[in-house]
Amino acid sequence: MILRSGTSITINGTGFVSGAIVTIGQGSGGETSAIAATNVKAGSPTKITAVTGGGAKAGSWGLFVTTRGGTSQRVLSSNFTY
């Protein structure tokens, strides 16, 4: 089953900056086989809001944030479930 986009998400963490990219993994490849979120906004250094991208497979997937400093590690408790 392929799911549509449009779910608003809020990510709490540290080191967030304007221009961050949010992706949701879609398999064992993690961020290399991911769906990009849209409308990504770093509201502060500790909070990002975004909207899930389309074409995702149902399941629980890793959530990744990429900034100038690199890409976040996968944290199971931070998975997003479609």
Protein backbone atom coordinates (compact mmCIF):
# COMPACT_ATOMS: atom_id res chain seq x y z
CA MET A 1 0.00 0.00 0.00
CA ILE A 2 1.34 3.45 -0.93
CA LEU A 3 0.23 6.31 1.31
CA ARG A 4 -0.33 9.94 0.50
CA SER A 5 1.38 12.91 2.01
CA GLY A 6 0.08 15.63 4.23
CA THR A 7 0.66 14.74 7.87
CA SER A 8 2.07 17.64 9.89
CA ILE A 9 4.94 16.61 12.17
CA THR A 10 6.97 18.37 14.86
CA ILE A 11 10.52 17.27 15.63
CA ASN A 12 12.21 18.22 18.89
CA GLY A 13 15.99 18.06 19.22
CA THR A 14 19.01 20.33 19.15
CA GLY A 15 21.11 22.16 16.59
CA PHE A 16 18.34 22.80 14.07
CA VAL A 17 18.94 25.61 11.58
CA SER A 18 17.13 27.21 8.68
CA GLY A 19 17.56 25.12 5.54
CA ALA A 20 17.36 21.77 7.35
CA ILE A 21 16.07 18.81 5.33
CA VAL A 22 13.72 16.23 6.86
CA THR A 23 13.38 12.73 5.39
CA ILE A 24 11.55 9.59 6.44
CA GLY A 25 13.30 6.31 5.61
CA GLN A 26 11.52 3.67 3.57
CA GLY A 27 13.56 0.53 4.11
CA SER A 28 16.84 -0.83 5.37
CA GLY A 29 18.72 1.87 3.45
CA GLY A 30 17.59 4.53 5.95
CA GLU A 31 18.01 8.03 4.65
CA THR A 32 19.32 6.78 1.27
CA SER A 33 15.86 5.38 0.39
CA ALA A 34 13.76 8.08 2.00
CA ILE A 35 10.77 10.28 1.29
CA ALA A 36 11.48 14.00 1.68
CA ALA A 37 9.19 16.07 3.87
CA THR A 38 7.92 19.41 2.59
CA ASN A 39 7.28 22.76 4.23
CA VAL A 40 10.25 22.24 6.59
CA LYS A 41 10.63 25.13 9.04
CA ALA A 42 13.20 25.38 11.83
CA GLY A 43 11.16 27.41 14.32
CA SER A 44 14.04 27.41 16.79
CA PRO A 45 17.32 25.55 17.38
CA THR A 46 15.26 22.85 19.16
CA LYS A 47 12.10 22.52 17.03
CA ILE A 48 11.33 21.76 13.37
CA THR A 49 7.92 21.45 11.77
CA ALA A 50 7.32 19.71 8.43
CA VAL A 51 4.72 17.90 6.33
CA THR A 52 5.22 14.29 5.30
CA GLY A 53 5.95 13.64 1.64
CA GLY A 54 3.91 11.39 -0.65
CA GLY A 55 4.43 7.91 -2.02
CA ALA A 56 5.40 6.33 1.30
CA LYS A 57 5.03 2.66 2.19
CA ALA A 58 3.00 1.79 5.28
CA GLY A 59 5.13 1.03 8.32
CA SER A 60 7.32 2.55 10.99
CA TRP A 61 10.36 4.31 9.53
CA GLY A 62 13.41 6.25 10.66
CA LEU A 63 13.15 10.01 10.77
CA PHE A 64 16.26 11.96 9.70
CA VAL A 65 17.21 15.63 9.88
CA THR A 66 20.06 16.92 7.72
CA THR A 67 21.79 20.25 8.34
CA ARG A 68 25.20 21.73 7.43
CA GLY A 69 26.60 19.61 10.30
CA GLY A 70 25.44 16.30 8.80
CA THR A 71 22.56 13.85 9.11
CA SER A 72 21.06 12.71 12.39
CA GLN A 73 21.44 9.10 13.48
CA ARG A 74 18.40 6.82 13.48
CA VAL A 75 16.74 6.69 16.89
CA LEU A 76 14.06 3.97 17.12
CA SER A 77 11.96 5.98 19.57
CA SER A 78 11.81 8.75 16.95
CA ASN A 79 10.37 6.62 14.12
CA PHE A 80 7.44 7.98 12.13
CA THR A 81 4.59 5.55 11.44
CA TYR A 82 2.52 5.92 8.26
